[in-house]
Amino acid sequence: GDFSNIFRSIAVIKSEFNVYEVGPTLKKSLSIILPILIFEITKKYYTNYQRIKLEPIILFYKYISIVTMLLSNLPFNDRILLIGWAFIPIMLSLPFCVIIKYIFSPINFKLKS
């Protein structure tokens, strides 16, 4: 059989099937920074209980992101980022609820009597 392509995904050298971009990219940088930025912008609307519950998740996400950026010259470093990206929906659930609450909440107008 032809076994030349079995280990092409972990090969460091380029071949006709293995073309991978190493180093930091704009897309990876934005995918790391935007969830943290959105969380920090909407932080003033959270209760202390919500902030305390989300802080370990965000701290773990920051550590995973730091390790991934340190290993950004290795091929397939975004596999480590996938661990952090799994927590993005949890991190953005609270900002999303806050934004929806303030955008779609009924506005109470005070009528002068």
N, C-alpha and C. Protein backbone atom coordinates (compact mmCIF):
# COMPACT_ATOMS: atom_id res chain seq x y z
N GLY A 1 0.82 -1.19 0.00
CA GLY A 1 0.00 0.00 0.00
C GLY A 1 0.86 1.25 0.00
N ASP A 2 0.19 2.35 -0.24
CA ASP A 2 0.86 3.65 -0.26
C ASP A 2 0.72 4.30 1.11
N PHE A 3 1.81 4.33 1.86
CA PHE A 3 1.80 4.91 3.20
C PHE A 3 2.52 6.25 3.26
N SER A 4 2.71 6.91 2.13
CA SER A 4 3.48 8.15 2.13
C SER A 4 2.71 9.32 2.73
N ASN A 5 1.39 9.24 2.79
CA ASN A 5 0.61 10.37 3.27
C ASN A 5 0.06 10.19 4.68
N ILE A 6 0.44 9.11 5.36
CA ILE A 6 -0.12 8.85 6.68
C ILE A 6 0.30 9.91 7.69
N PHE A 7 1.58 10.26 7.71
CA PHE A 7 2.09 11.19 8.70
C PHE A 7 2.32 12.58 8.13
N ARG A 8 1.63 12.93 7.07
CA ARG A 8 1.86 14.24 6.46
C ARG A 8 1.38 15.38 7.35
N SER A 9 0.38 15.14 8.24
CA SER A 9 -0.14 16.22 9.07
C SER A 9 0.82 16.60 10.18
N ILE A 10 1.71 15.71 10.58
CA ILE A 10 2.65 16.06 11.63
C ILE A 10 4.06 16.30 11.08
N ALA A 11 4.21 16.26 9.78
CA ALA A 11 5.52 16.48 9.19
C ALA A 11 5.86 17.97 9.25
N VAL A 12 7.11 18.27 9.56
CA VAL A 12 7.56 19.65 9.64
C VAL A 12 7.97 20.17 8.27
N ILE A 13 8.38 19.29 7.38
CA ILE A 13 8.82 19.71 6.06
C ILE A 13 7.61 19.87 5.13
N LYS A 14 7.79 20.72 4.12
CA LYS A 14 6.70 20.93 3.18
C LYS A 14 6.71 19.84 2.11
N SER A 15 5.54 19.40 1.78
CA SER A 15 5.39 18.46 0.67
C SER A 15 4.21 18.96 -0.15
N GLU A 16 3.81 18.18 -1.12
CA GLU A 16 2.70 18.63 -1.96
C GLU A 16 1.38 18.65 -1.21
N PHE A 17 1.25 17.90 -0.13
CA PHE A 17 0.02 17.86 0.64
C PHE A 17 0.09 18.67 1.92
N ASN A 18 1.30 19.02 2.34
CA ASN A 18 1.49 19.65 3.64
C ASN A 18 1.97 21.08 3.44
N VAL A 19 1.04 22.02 3.39
CA VAL A 19 1.40 23.43 3.34
C VAL A 19 0.73 24.08 4.53
N TYR A 20 1.53 24.52 5.48
CA TYR A 20 0.98 25.06 6.72
C TYR A 20 1.69 26.35 7.05
N GLU A 21 0.92 27.32 7.49
CA GLU A 21 1.48 28.63 7.81
C GLU A 21 1.81 28.68 9.30
N VAL A 22 3.07 28.92 9.61
CA VAL A 22 3.49 29.00 11.01
C VAL A 22 3.65 30.46 11.38
N GLY A 23 3.72 30.70 12.68
CA GLY A 23 3.87 32.06 13.17
C GLY A 23 2.52 32.68 13.49
N PRO A 24 2.56 33.81 14.18
CA PRO A 24 1.31 34.47 14.54
C PRO A 24 0.64 35.08 13.29
N THR A 25 -0.66 34.96 13.23
CA THR A 25 -1.42 35.55 12.13
C THR A 25 -2.46 36.50 12.70
N LEU A 26 -3.00 37.34 11.86
CA LEU A 26 -4.00 38.31 12.29
C LEU A 26 -5.28 37.61 12.74
N LYS A 27 -5.67 36.56 12.03
CA LYS A 27 -6.90 35.84 12.40
C LYS A 27 -6.78 35.19 13.77
N LYS A 28 -5.64 34.56 14.03
CA LYS A 28 -5.45 33.93 15.34
C LYS A 28 -5.38 34.98 16.45
N SER A 29 -4.72 36.09 16.16
CA SER A 29 -4.62 37.14 17.17
C SER A 29 -5.98 37.73 17.49
N LEU A 30 -6.80 37.97 16.48
CA LEU A 30 -8.14 38.49 16.71
C LEU A 30 -9.02 37.49 17.45
N SER A 31 -8.85 36.22 17.13
CA SER A 31 -9.66 35.20 17.81
C SER A 31 -9.28 35.06 19.28
N ILE A 32 -8.09 35.48 19.63
CA ILE A 32 -7.67 35.45 21.03
C ILE A 32 -8.10 36.72 21.75
N ILE A 33 -7.93 37.86 21.10
CA ILE A 33 -8.15 39.15 21.77
C ILE A 33 -9.62 39.52 21.87
N LEU A 34 -10.42 39.25 20.84
CA LEU A 34 -11.81 39.71 20.82
C LEU A 34 -12.66 39.18 21.98
N PRO A 35 -12.64 37.89 22.31
CA PRO A 35 -13.46 37.46 23.45
C PRO A 35 -13.09 38.13 24.77
N ILE A 36 -11.79 38.32 25.00
CA ILE A 36 -11.36 38.99 26.23
C ILE A 36 -11.78 40.46 26.20
N LEU A 37 -11.66 41.09 25.05
CA LEU A 37 -12.04 42.49 24.92
C LEU A 37 -13.54 42.69 25.13
N ILE A 38 -14.34 41.82 24.56
CA ILE A 38 -15.80 41.91 24.74
C ILE A 38 -16.16 41.70 26.20
N PHE A 39 -15.51 40.76 26.85
CA PHE A 39 -15.78 40.53 28.27
C PHE A 39 -15.40 41.74 29.11
N GLU A 40 -14.26 42.34 28.82
CA GLU A 40 -13.80 43.49 29.60
C GLU A 40 -14.68 44.72 29.38
N ILE A 41 -15.18 44.90 28.17
CA ILE A 41 -16.03 46.06 27.88
C ILE A 41 -17.36 45.96 28.63
N THR A 42 -17.92 44.77 28.70
CA THR A 42 -19.23 44.60 29.34
C THR A 42 -19.12 44.21 30.82
N LYS A 43 -17.93 44.27 31.39
CA LYS A 43 -17.71 43.81 32.76
C LYS A 43 -18.48 44.64 33.80
N LYS A 44 -18.69 45.90 33.54
CA LYS A 44 -19.33 46.75 34.55
C LYS A 44 -20.81 46.42 34.77
N TYR A 45 -21.39 45.63 33.88
CA TYR A 45 -22.80 45.26 34.01
C TYR A 45 -23.02 43.93 34.75
N TYR A 46 -21.94 43.26 35.15
CA TYR A 46 -22.07 41.97 35.81
C TYR A 46 -22.20 42.15 37.31
N THR A 47 -22.82 41.17 37.94
CA THR A 47 -22.81 41.14 39.40
C THR A 47 -21.48 40.52 39.86
N ASN A 48 -21.19 40.68 41.13
CA ASN A 48 -19.95 40.09 41.66
C ASN A 48 -19.96 38.57 41.54
N TYR A 49 -21.13 37.98 41.76
CA TYR A 49 -21.25 36.52 41.66
C TYR A 49 -20.94 36.04 40.24
N GLN A 50 -21.48 36.74 39.24
CA GLN A 50 -21.21 36.36 37.84
C GLN A 50 -19.73 36.53 37.51
N ARG A 51 -19.14 37.60 37.98
CA ARG A 51 -17.73 37.86 37.71
C ARG A 51 -16.84 36.79 38.36
N ILE A 52 -17.17 36.39 39.58
CA ILE A 52 -16.38 35.38 40.29
C ILE A 52 -16.50 34.02 39.60
N LYS A 53 -17.68 33.71 39.09
CA LYS A 53 -17.88 32.42 38.41
C LYS A 53 -17.15 32.35 37.07
N LEU A 54 -17.05 33.46 36.36
CA LEU A 54 -16.41 33.45 35.04
C LEU A 54 -14.89 33.67 35.09
N GLU A 55 -14.39 34.18 36.20
CA GLU A 55 -12.97 34.52 36.26
C GLU A 55 -12.04 33.31 36.06
N PRO A 56 -12.28 32.13 36.65
CA PRO A 56 -11.37 30.99 36.39
C PRO A 56 -11.38 30.55 34.93
N ILE A 57 -12.52 30.63 34.28
CA ILE A 57 -12.60 30.24 32.87
C ILE A 57 -11.78 31.20 32.02
N ILE A 58 -11.90 32.49 32.30
CA ILE A 58 -11.16 33.49 31.52
C ILE A 58 -9.67 33.38 31.81
N LEU A 59 -9.31 33.11 33.05
CA LEU A 59 -7.90 32.94 33.38
C LEU A 59 -7.30 31.74 32.65
N PHE A 60 -8.01 30.62 32.63
CA PHE A 60 -7.56 29.44 31.90
C PHE A 60 -7.43 29.74 30.41
N TYR A 61 -8.40 30.47 29.85
CA TYR A 61 -8.35 30.86 28.44
C TYR A 61 -7.12 31.72 28.15
N LYS A 62 -6.81 32.65 29.05
CA LYS A 62 -5.63 33.51 28.87
C LYS A 62 -4.35 32.68 28.90
N TYR A 63 -4.25 31.71 29.82
CA TYR A 63 -3.06 30.87 29.90
C TYR A 63 -2.88 30.03 28.63
N ILE A 64 -3.97 29.44 28.15
CA ILE A 64 -3.90 28.66 26.91
C ILE A 64 -3.47 29.54 25.75
N SER A 65 -3.98 30.75 25.68
CA SER A 65 -3.62 31.66 24.60
C SER A 65 -2.15 32.07 24.68
N ILE A 66 -1.66 32.30 25.87
CA ILE A 66 -0.25 32.67 26.04
C ILE A 66 0.65 31.53 25.60
N VAL A 67 0.34 30.31 26.02
CA VAL A 67 1.15 29.15 25.63
C VAL A 67 1.11 28.96 24.11
N THR A 68 -0.04 29.15 23.53
CA THR A 68 -0.16 28.98 22.07
C THR A 68 0.65 30.03 21.33
N MET A 69 0.62 31.26 21.78
CA MET A 69 1.41 32.29 21.11
C MET A 69 2.91 32.07 21.29
N LEU A 70 3.30 31.49 22.43
CA LEU A 70 4.71 31.16 22.61
C LEU A 70 5.15 30.03 21.67
N LEU A 71 4.23 29.13 21.35
CA LEU A 71 4.53 28.01 20.47
C LEU A 71 4.09 28.27 19.02
N SER A 72 3.93 29.54 18.65
CA SER A 72 3.34 29.85 17.35
C SER A 72 4.25 29.52 16.17
N ASN A 73 5.52 29.25 16.40
CA ASN A 73 6.39 28.88 15.28
C ASN A 73 6.39 27.39 15.00
N LEU A 74 5.65 26.63 15.78
CA LEU A 74 5.55 25.19 15.53
C LEU A 74 4.36 24.92 14.62
N PRO A 75 4.47 23.90 13.78
CA PRO A 75 3.30 23.58 12.95
C PRO A 75 2.16 23.04 13.80
N PHE A 76 0.95 23.37 13.40
CA PHE A 76 -0.28 22.90 14.05
C PHE A 76 -0.39 23.35 15.50
N ASN A 77 0.08 24.59 15.78
CA ASN A 77 -0.07 25.12 17.13
C ASN A 77 -1.51 25.50 17.43
N ASP A 78 -2.34 25.64 16.41
CA ASP A 78 -3.73 26.01 16.67
C ASP A 78 -4.53 24.86 17.27
N ARG A 79 -3.96 23.67 17.31
CA ARG A 79 -4.62 22.57 18.02
C ARG A 79 -4.69 22.87 19.51
N ILE A 80 -3.68 23.58 20.02
CA ILE A 80 -3.71 24.00 21.42
C ILE A 80 -4.75 25.09 21.60
N LEU A 81 -4.88 25.98 20.60
CA LEU A 81 -5.89 27.03 20.68
C LEU A 81 -7.31 26.47 20.70
N LEU A 82 -7.50 25.31 20.10
CA LEU A 82 -8.84 24.70 20.11
C LEU A 82 -9.32 24.44 21.53
N ILE A 83 -8.40 24.14 22.44
CA ILE A 83 -8.78 23.94 23.85
C ILE A 83 -9.35 25.24 24.41
N GLY A 84 -8.68 26.34 24.11
CA GLY A 84 -9.17 27.63 24.58
C GLY A 84 -10.44 28.07 23.86
N TRP A 85 -10.52 27.80 22.58
CA TRP A 85 -11.70 28.20 21.81
C TRP A 85 -12.96 27.47 22.27
N ALA A 86 -12.80 26.33 22.91
CA ALA A 86 -13.97 25.61 23.44
C ALA A 86 -14.65 26.40 24.55
N PHE A 87 -13.91 27.29 25.21
CA PHE A 87 -14.48 28.07 26.30
C PHE A 87 -15.07 29.41 25.85
N ILE A 88 -14.88 29.78 24.60
CA ILE A 88 -15.39 31.07 24.12
C ILE A 88 -16.92 31.17 24.23
N PRO A 89 -17.71 30.15 23.87
CA PRO A 89 -19.16 30.30 24.06
C PRO A 89 -19.56 30.53 25.51
N ILE A 90 -18.85 29.91 26.44
CA ILE A 90 -19.15 30.13 27.86
C ILE A 90 -18.77 31.55 28.25
N MET A 91 -17.63 32.02 27.77
CA MET A 91 -17.17 33.36 28.10
C MET A 91 -18.09 34.44 27.51
N LEU A 92 -18.61 34.19 26.33
CA LEU A 92 -19.42 35.22 25.67
C LEU A 92 -20.91 35.10 25.97
N SER A 93 -21.31 34.10 26.72
CA SER A 93 -22.74 33.96 27.03
C SER A 93 -23.23 35.10 27.91
N LEU A 94 -22.45 35.49 28.90
CA LEU A 94 -22.86 36.57 29.78
C LEU A 94 -22.85 37.93 29.07
N PRO A 95 -21.80 38.30 28.32
CA PRO A 95 -21.88 39.56 27.57
C PRO A 95 -23.04 39.58 26.57
N PHE A 96 -23.32 38.44 25.95
CA PHE A 96 -24.43 38.39 25.01
C PHE A 96 -25.75 38.64 25.72
N CYS A 97 -25.94 38.04 26.88
CA CYS A 97 -27.18 38.26 27.65
C CYS A 97 -27.29 39.71 28.10
N VAL A 98 -26.17 40.31 28.50
CA VAL A 98 -26.19 41.71 28.93
C VAL A 98 -26.56 42.62 27.76
N ILE A 99 -25.96 42.38 26.61
CA ILE A 99 -26.26 43.20 25.43
C ILE A 99 -27.71 43.05 25.02
N ILE A 100 -28.20 41.83 24.99
CA ILE A 100 -29.61 41.59 24.62
C ILE A 100 -30.54 42.26 25.63
N LYS A 101 -30.19 42.20 26.90
CA LYS A 101 -31.03 42.79 27.94
C LYS A 101 -31.14 44.30 27.77
N TYR A 102 -30.04 44.95 27.47
CA TYR A 102 -30.06 46.41 27.37
C TYR A 102 -30.54 46.91 26.01
N ILE A 103 -30.45 46.09 24.98
CA ILE A 103 -30.94 46.52 23.66
C ILE A 103 -32.44 46.30 23.56
N PHE A 104 -32.90 45.14 24.00
CA PHE A 104 -34.29 44.79 23.78
C PHE A 104 -35.19 44.97 25.01
N SER A 105 -34.67 45.54 26.07
CA SER A 105 -35.52 45.75 27.23
C SER A 105 -36.49 46.90 26.94
N PRO A 106 -37.69 46.81 27.47
CA PRO A 106 -38.63 47.90 27.22
C PRO A 106 -38.17 49.19 27.89
N ILE A 107 -38.31 50.26 27.18
CA ILE A 107 -37.90 51.57 27.71
C ILE A 107 -39.09 52.14 28.46
N ASN A 108 -38.85 52.50 29.68
CA ASN A 108 -39.90 53.08 30.51
C ASN A 108 -39.84 54.60 30.41
N PHE A 109 -40.80 55.15 29.72
CA PHE A 109 -40.88 56.60 29.62
C PHE A 109 -41.74 57.13 30.77
N LYS A 110 -41.26 58.19 31.37
CA LYS A 110 -42.06 58.80 32.44
C LYS A 110 -42.90 59.90 31.80
N LEU A 111 -44.18 59.76 31.95
CA LEU A 111 -45.11 60.75 31.41
C LEU A 111 -45.36 61.83 32.47
N LYS A 112 -45.34 63.05 32.01
CA LYS A 112 -45.63 64.14 32.93
C LYS A 112 -47.12 64.21 33.17
N SER A 113 -47.49 64.28 34.43
CA SER A 113 -48.92 64.36 34.71
C SER A 113 -49.29 65.68 35.34
